[in-house]
């Protein structure tokens, strides 16, 4: 195991994500190396830098706010990332986006064989419905005896992508407390904890 000394805040977050089992050693080291030359940032830039670390660590599901070309492909990418983060506990199949954008659409899929449906409201096929993703993301959590749920990372930049970290309630709360990570902590039931909402 490589020794890391004199880490900045972003590097320490990468190390903590690995300690929590939320990223691999390889991904954490890659993020630590990438952030080696980052200065200690002012609060707003640090908040964005911390989210960048979770991306570099491949520890989050990313929901794009900009043009994705084809919405169904974008939702499928989210499902693939959720499956990967679950370590095989979640399998998503039979994905089908039904209807026309201007009339409202239904996103049908199965999670471990159980049918799910998200109500999709989007103006074109080029964009994802971030509200529907936020409402339905816990459908992709492992459930059962697995205590991990999805927690939303809130960017300080308006209209930025959404990111979701699959972690236990205790892990998410620790990351918020230790690093000031802008994460909305959910309880084991997937519901947002009181006082956890972050205003954009």
C-alpha atoms as a PDB file:
ATOM      1  CA  UNK A   1       0.000   0.000   0.000  1.00  0.00           C
ATOM      2  CA  UNK A   2       1.347   3.369  -0.996  1.00  0.00           C
ATOM      3  CA  UNK A   3       2.038   5.924   1.740  1.00  0.00           C
ATOM      4  CA  UNK A   4       0.485   9.356   1.360  1.00  0.00           C
ATOM      5  CA  UNK A   5       1.724  12.204   3.535  1.00  0.00           C
ATOM      6  CA  UNK A   6       0.864  15.880   3.685  1.00  0.00           C
ATOM      7  CA  UNK A   7      -2.438  15.404   1.890  1.00  0.00           C
ATOM      8  CA  UNK A   8      -4.735  18.291   1.019  1.00  0.00           C
ATOM      9  CA  UNK A   9      -8.474  18.095   1.750  1.00  0.00           C
ATOM     10  CA  UNK A  10      -9.389  16.572  -1.603  1.00  0.00           C
ATOM     11  CA  UNK A  11      -6.733  13.904  -1.287  1.00  0.00           C
ATOM     12  CA  UNK A  12      -7.890  13.062   2.232  1.00  0.00           C
ATOM     13  CA  UNK A  13     -11.421  12.584   0.939  1.00  0.00           C
ATOM     14  CA  UNK A  14     -10.189  10.060  -1.631  1.00  0.00           C
ATOM     15  CA  UNK A  15      -8.391   8.157   1.124  1.00  0.00           C
ATOM     16  CA  UNK A  16     -11.501   8.228   3.314  1.00  0.00           C
ATOM     17  CA  UNK A  17     -13.662   6.896   0.503  1.00  0.00           C
ATOM     18  CA  UNK A  18     -11.296   3.950   0.241  1.00  0.00           C
ATOM     19  CA  UNK A  19     -11.313   3.401   4.005  1.00  0.00           C
ATOM     20  CA  UNK A  20     -15.103   3.227   3.848  1.00  0.00           C
ATOM     21  CA  UNK A  21     -14.974   0.707   1.007  1.00  0.00           C
ATOM     22  CA  UNK A  22     -16.631   3.137  -1.403  1.00  0.00           C
ATOM     23  CA  UNK A  23     -13.830   3.032  -3.963  1.00  0.00           C
ATOM     24  CA  UNK A  24     -10.932   0.777  -4.896  1.00  0.00           C
ATOM     25  CA  UNK A  25      -7.326   1.356  -3.845  1.00  0.00           C
ATOM     26  CA  UNK A  26      -6.420   1.956  -7.490  1.00  0.00           C
ATOM     27  CA  UNK A  27      -9.133   4.584  -7.985  1.00  0.00           C
ATOM     28  CA  UNK A  28      -8.299   6.319  -4.701  1.00  0.00           C
ATOM     29  CA  UNK A  29      -4.609   6.483  -5.608  1.00  0.00           C
ATOM     30  CA  UNK A  30      -5.467   7.875  -9.022  1.00  0.00           C
ATOM     31  CA  UNK A  31      -7.576  10.631  -7.422  1.00  0.00           C
ATOM     32  CA  UNK A  32      -4.868  11.345  -4.848  1.00  0.00           C
ATOM     33  CA  UNK A  33      -2.276  11.714  -7.600  1.00  0.00           C
ATOM     34  CA  UNK A  34      -4.575  13.925  -9.661  1.00  0.00           C
ATOM     35  CA  UNK A  35      -5.294  16.214  -6.699  1.00  0.00           C
ATOM     36  CA  UNK A  36      -1.659  16.398  -5.579  1.00  0.00           C
ATOM     37  CA  UNK A  37      -1.143  19.839  -7.106  1.00  0.00           C
ATOM     38  CA  UNK A  38      -4.501  21.255  -6.073  1.00  0.00           C
ATOM     39  CA  UNK A  39      -4.105  24.117  -3.578  1.00  0.00           C
ATOM     40  CA  UNK A  40      -6.300  24.468  -0.527  1.00  0.00           C
ATOM     41  CA  UNK A  41      -9.345  25.992  -2.189  1.00  0.00           C
ATOM     42  CA  UNK A  42     -11.822  28.646  -1.023  1.00  0.00           C
ATOM     43  CA  UNK A  43     -15.144  27.186   0.193  1.00  0.00           C
ATOM     44  CA  UNK A  44     -17.146  27.240  -3.059  1.00  0.00           C
ATOM     45  CA  UNK A  45     -14.332  25.835  -5.179  1.00  0.00           C
ATOM     46  CA  UNK A  46     -13.509  23.270  -2.496  1.00  0.00           C
ATOM     47  CA  UNK A  47     -17.134  22.094  -2.486  1.00  0.00           C
ATOM     48  CA  UNK A  48     -16.901  21.483  -6.226  1.00  0.00           C
ATOM     49  CA  UNK A  49     -13.455  19.914  -5.870  1.00  0.00           C
ATOM     50  CA  UNK A  50     -14.747  17.392  -3.344  1.00  0.00           C
ATOM     51  CA  UNK A  51     -17.479  16.298  -5.748  1.00  0.00           C
ATOM     52  CA  UNK A  52     -14.822  15.986  -8.464  1.00  0.00           C
ATOM     53  CA  UNK A  53     -12.920  13.607  -6.180  1.00  0.00           C
ATOM     54  CA  UNK A  54     -15.951  11.325  -5.850  1.00  0.00           C
ATOM     55  CA  UNK A  55     -16.134  11.239  -9.652  1.00  0.00           C
ATOM     56  CA  UNK A  56     -12.412  10.495 -10.006  1.00  0.00           C
ATOM     57  CA  UNK A  57     -12.874   7.700  -7.453  1.00  0.00           C
ATOM     58  CA  UNK A  58     -15.752   6.287  -9.540  1.00  0.00           C
ATOM     59  CA  UNK A  59     -17.811   6.301  -6.347  1.00  0.00           C
ATOM     60  CA  UNK A  60     -20.973   7.975  -7.631  1.00  0.00           C
ATOM     61  CA  UNK A  61     -23.806   7.651 -10.095  1.00  0.00           C
ATOM     62  CA  UNK A  62     -23.810  10.699 -12.350  1.00  0.00           C
ATOM     63  CA  UNK A  63     -27.045  12.153 -13.770  1.00  0.00           C
ATOM     64  CA  UNK A  64     -26.258  14.590 -16.553  1.00  0.00           C
ATOM     65  CA  UNK A  65     -28.073  17.927 -16.655  1.00  0.00           C
ATOM     66  CA  UNK A  66     -26.902  18.725 -20.198  1.00  0.00           C
ATOM     67  CA  UNK A  67     -27.620  17.178 -23.582  1.00  0.00           C
ATOM     68  CA  UNK A  68     -27.354  13.364 -23.502  1.00  0.00           C
ATOM     69  CA  UNK A  69     -28.416  12.818 -27.163  1.00  0.00           C
ATOM     70  CA  UNK A  70     -30.851  10.006 -26.306  1.00  0.00           C
ATOM     71  CA  UNK A  71     -32.593   9.961 -22.947  1.00  0.00           C
ATOM     72  CA  UNK A  72     -33.063   6.192 -22.737  1.00  0.00           C
ATOM     73  CA  UNK A  73     -29.318   5.688 -23.163  1.00  0.00           C
ATOM     74  CA  UNK A  74     -28.759   8.169 -20.339  1.00  0.00           C
ATOM     75  CA  UNK A  75     -31.063   6.271 -17.998  1.00  0.00           C
ATOM     76  CA  UNK A  76     -29.414   2.988 -18.966  1.00  0.00           C
ATOM     77  CA  UNK A  77     -26.017   4.484 -18.058  1.00  0.00           C
ATOM     78  CA  UNK A  78     -27.365   5.416 -14.616  1.00  0.00           C
ATOM     79  CA  UNK A  79     -28.642   1.875 -14.119  1.00  0.00           C
ATOM     80  CA  UNK A  80     -25.271   0.409 -15.140  1.00  0.00           C
ATOM     81  CA  UNK A  81     -23.425   2.605 -12.650  1.00  0.00           C
ATOM     82  CA  UNK A  82     -25.888   1.721  -9.863  1.00  0.00           C
ATOM     83  CA  UNK A  83     -25.356  -1.971 -10.603  1.00  0.00           C
ATOM     84  CA  UNK A  84     -21.574  -1.533 -10.501  1.00  0.00           C
ATOM     85  CA  UNK A  85     -21.641   0.367  -7.205  1.00  0.00           C
ATOM     86  CA  UNK A  86     -23.905  -2.274  -5.660  1.00  0.00           C
ATOM     87  CA  UNK A  87     -21.246  -4.914  -6.248  1.00  0.00           C
ATOM     88  CA  UNK A  88     -23.722  -7.196  -7.937  1.00  0.00           C
ATOM     89  CA  UNK A  89     -26.509  -6.811  -5.383  1.00  0.00           C
ATOM     90  CA  UNK A  90     -28.679  -4.988  -7.941  1.00  0.00           C
ATOM     91  CA  UNK A  91     -29.511  -6.068 -11.491  1.00  0.00           C
ATOM     92  CA  UNK A  92     -31.582  -3.853 -13.793  1.00  0.00           C
ATOM     93  CA  UNK A  93     -33.254  -5.408 -16.824  1.00  0.00           C
ATOM     94  CA  UNK A  94     -36.016  -4.795 -19.404  1.00  0.00           C
ATOM     95  CA  UNK A  95     -35.492  -1.026 -19.624  1.00  0.00           C
ATOM     96  CA  UNK A  96     -38.075   0.678 -21.834  1.00  0.00           C
ATOM     97  CA  UNK A  97     -38.853   4.395 -22.133  1.00  0.00           C
ATOM     98  CA  UNK A  98     -42.425   4.639 -23.398  1.00  0.00           C
ATOM     99  CA  UNK A  99     -44.328   7.617 -24.811  1.00  0.00           C
ATOM    100  CA  UNK A 100     -43.511  10.987 -26.349  1.00  0.00           C
ATOM    101  CA  UNK A 101     -41.614  13.769 -24.523  1.00  0.00           C
ATOM    102  CA  UNK A 102     -44.303  16.397 -25.007  1.00  0.00           C
ATOM    103  CA  UNK A 103     -46.973  14.077 -23.551  1.00  0.00           C
ATOM    104  CA  UNK A 104     -45.049  12.653 -20.589  1.00  0.00           C
ATOM    105  CA  UNK A 105     -43.307   9.313 -20.597  1.00  0.00           C
ATOM    106  CA  UNK A 106     -42.970   6.204 -18.455  1.00  0.00           C
ATOM    107  CA  UNK A 107     -39.619   4.573 -17.821  1.00  0.00           C
ATOM    108  CA  UNK A 108     -40.262   0.881 -17.205  1.00  0.00           C
ATOM    109  CA  UNK A 109     -37.578  -1.456 -15.871  1.00  0.00           C
ATOM    110  CA  UNK A 110     -37.059  -4.329 -13.463  1.00  0.00           C
ATOM    111  CA  UNK A 111     -34.773  -4.361 -10.428  1.00  0.00           C
ATOM    112  CA  UNK A 112     -33.843  -7.898  -9.437  1.00  0.00           C
ATOM    113  CA  UNK A 113     -36.926  -9.024 -11.318  1.00  0.00           C
ATOM    114  CA  UNK A 114     -39.322  -6.569  -9.629  1.00  0.00           C
ATOM    115  CA  UNK A 115     -41.137  -4.176 -11.973  1.00  0.00           C
ATOM    116  CA  UNK A 116     -40.545  -0.450 -11.486  1.00  0.00           C
ATOM    117  CA  UNK A 117     -41.836   2.626 -13.288  1.00  0.00           C
ATOM    118  CA  UNK A 118     -40.663   6.253 -13.206  1.00  0.00           C
ATOM    119  CA  UNK A 119     -42.898   9.074 -14.382  1.00  0.00           C
ATOM    120  CA  UNK A 120     -40.685  11.051 -16.776  1.00  0.00           C
ATOM    121  CA  UNK A 121     -41.418  14.696 -17.546  1.00  0.00           C
ATOM    122  CA  UNK A 122     -38.939  16.095 -20.049  1.00  0.00           C
ATOM    123  CA  UNK A 123     -39.290  18.535 -22.923  1.00  0.00           C
ATOM    124  CA  UNK A 124     -37.168  16.590 -25.381  1.00  0.00           C
ATOM    125  CA  UNK A 125     -35.389  13.288 -25.841  1.00  0.00           C
ATOM    126  CA  UNK A 126     -32.053  15.073 -25.343  1.00  0.00           C
ATOM    127  CA  UNK A 127     -32.364  15.587 -21.585  1.00  0.00           C
ATOM    128  CA  UNK A 128     -32.903  13.533 -18.445  1.00  0.00           C
ATOM    129  CA  UNK A 129     -35.583  14.234 -15.872  1.00  0.00           C
ATOM    130  CA  UNK A 130     -33.394  14.935 -12.847  1.00  0.00           C
ATOM    131  CA  UNK A 131     -36.440  15.221 -10.591  1.00  0.00           C
ATOM    132  CA  UNK A 132     -37.615  11.733 -11.547  1.00  0.00           C
ATOM    133  CA  UNK A 133     -34.145  10.359 -10.886  1.00  0.00           C
ATOM    134  CA  UNK A 134     -34.002  12.003  -7.457  1.00  0.00           C
ATOM    135  CA  UNK A 135     -37.466  10.672  -6.592  1.00  0.00           C
ATOM    136  CA  UNK A 136     -36.759   7.137  -7.785  1.00  0.00           C
ATOM    137  CA  UNK A 137     -33.057   6.613  -7.084  1.00  0.00           C
ATOM    138  CA  UNK A 138     -33.688   4.455  -4.015  1.00  0.00           C
ATOM    139  CA  UNK A 139     -35.289   1.881  -6.320  1.00  0.00           C
ATOM    140  CA  UNK A 140     -31.671   1.127  -7.274  1.00  0.00           C
ATOM    141  CA  UNK A 141     -30.395   0.656  -3.709  1.00  0.00           C
ATOM    142  CA  UNK A 142     -29.652  -2.958  -2.684  1.00  0.00           C
ATOM    143  CA  UNK A 143     -32.277  -3.152   0.083  1.00  0.00           C
ATOM    144  CA  UNK A 144     -32.778  -6.119   2.374  1.00  0.00           C
ATOM    145  CA  UNK A 145     -30.024  -6.483   4.956  1.00  0.00           C
ATOM    146  CA  UNK A 146     -27.713  -4.175   2.979  1.00  0.00           C
ATOM    147  CA  UNK A 147     -27.772  -0.782   4.781  1.00  0.00           C
ATOM    148  CA  UNK A 148     -26.526   1.235   1.824  1.00  0.00           C
ATOM    149  CA  UNK A 149     -28.783   3.839   0.212  1.00  0.00           C
ATOM    150  CA  UNK A 150     -28.189   6.665  -2.247  1.00  0.00           C
ATOM    151  CA  UNK A 151     -27.327  10.153  -1.007  1.00  0.00           C
ATOM    152  CA  UNK A 152     -27.411  13.145  -3.377  1.00  0.00           C
ATOM    153  CA  UNK A 153     -24.367  15.383  -3.728  1.00  0.00           C
ATOM    154  CA  UNK A 154     -25.427  18.995  -4.313  1.00  0.00           C
ATOM    155  CA  UNK A 155     -23.137  21.070  -6.505  1.00  0.00           C
ATOM    156  CA  UNK A 156     -22.604  24.728  -5.568  1.00  0.00           C
ATOM    157  CA  UNK A 157     -23.087  25.520  -9.256  1.00  0.00           C
ATOM    158  CA  UNK A 158     -26.658  25.890 -10.439  1.00  0.00           C
ATOM    159  CA  UNK A 159     -27.866  23.577 -13.212  1.00  0.00           C
ATOM    160  CA  UNK A 160     -24.926  21.220 -12.682  1.00  0.00           C
ATOM    161  CA  UNK A 161     -25.102  17.427 -12.911  1.00  0.00           C
ATOM    162  CA  UNK A 162     -26.499  15.465  -9.969  1.00  0.00           C
ATOM    163  CA  UNK A 163     -24.385  12.785  -8.312  1.00  0.00           C
ATOM    164  CA  UNK A 164     -25.461  10.011  -5.966  1.00  0.00           C
ATOM    165  CA  UNK A 165     -23.212   8.199  -3.512  1.00  0.00           C
ATOM    166  CA  UNK A 166     -24.174   4.669  -2.435  1.00  0.00           C
ATOM    167  CA  UNK A 167     -23.214   4.465   1.236  1.00  0.00           C
ATOM    168  CA  UNK A 168     -24.578   3.818   4.697  1.00  0.00           C
ATOM    169  CA  UNK A 169     -26.213   6.646   6.596  1.00  0.00           C
ATOM    170  CA  UNK A 170     -23.264   6.745   9.006  1.00  0.00           C
ATOM    171  CA  UNK A 171     -20.717   6.965   6.191  1.00  0.00           C
ATOM    172  CA  UNK A 172     -22.568   9.779   4.440  1.00  0.00           C
ATOM    173  CA  UNK A 173     -22.953  11.728   7.692  1.00  0.00           C
ATOM    174  CA  UNK A 174     -19.242  11.303   8.445  1.00  0.00           C
ATOM    175  CA  UNK A 175     -18.233  12.609   5.018  1.00  0.00           C
ATOM    176  CA  UNK A 176     -20.453  15.646   5.496  1.00  0.00           C
ATOM    177  CA  UNK A 177     -19.085  16.292   8.989  1.00  0.00           C
ATOM    178  CA  UNK A 178     -15.404  15.635   8.269  1.00  0.00           C
ATOM    179  CA  UNK A 179     -15.046  17.313   4.895  1.00  0.00           C
ATOM    180  CA  UNK A 180     -18.041  19.609   4.492  1.00  0.00           C
ATOM    181  CA  UNK A 181     -19.119  17.464   1.545  1.00  0.00           C
ATOM    182  CA  UNK A 182     -22.414  18.835   0.227  1.00  0.00           C
ATOM    183  CA  UNK A 183     -24.293  15.563   0.658  1.00  0.00           C
ATOM    184  CA  UNK A 184     -27.944  15.148   1.580  1.00  0.00           C
ATOM    185  CA  UNK A 185     -27.913  12.317   4.089  1.00  0.00           C
ATOM    186  CA  UNK A 186     -30.701   9.750   3.924  1.00  0.00           C
ATOM    187  CA  UNK A 187     -31.662   7.257   6.604  1.00  0.00           C
ATOM    188  CA  UNK A 188     -31.581   3.477   6.112  1.00  0.00           C
ATOM    189  CA  UNK A 189     -35.118   3.728   4.708  1.00  0.00           C
ATOM    190  CA  UNK A 190     -33.880   6.037   1.942  1.00  0.00           C
ATOM    191  CA  UNK A 191     -35.737   9.073   3.282  1.00  0.00           C
ATOM    192  CA  UNK A 192     -33.922  12.365   3.736  1.00  0.00           C
ATOM    193  CA  UNK A 193     -32.936  12.994   7.341  1.00  0.00           C
ATOM    194  CA  UNK A 194     -34.308  16.088   9.042  1.00  0.00           C
ATOM    195  CA  UNK A 195     -32.008  19.073   8.535  1.00  0.00           C
ATOM    196  CA  UNK A 196     -30.073  17.345   5.763  1.00  0.00           C
ATOM    197  CA  UNK A 197     -31.529  19.257   2.815  1.00  0.00           C
ATOM    198  CA  UNK A 198     -29.003  21.528   1.081  1.00  0.00           C
ATOM    199  CA  UNK A 199     -30.454  24.547  -0.651  1.00  0.00           C
ATOM    200  CA  UNK A 200     -29.040  25.165  -4.135  1.00  0.00           C
END
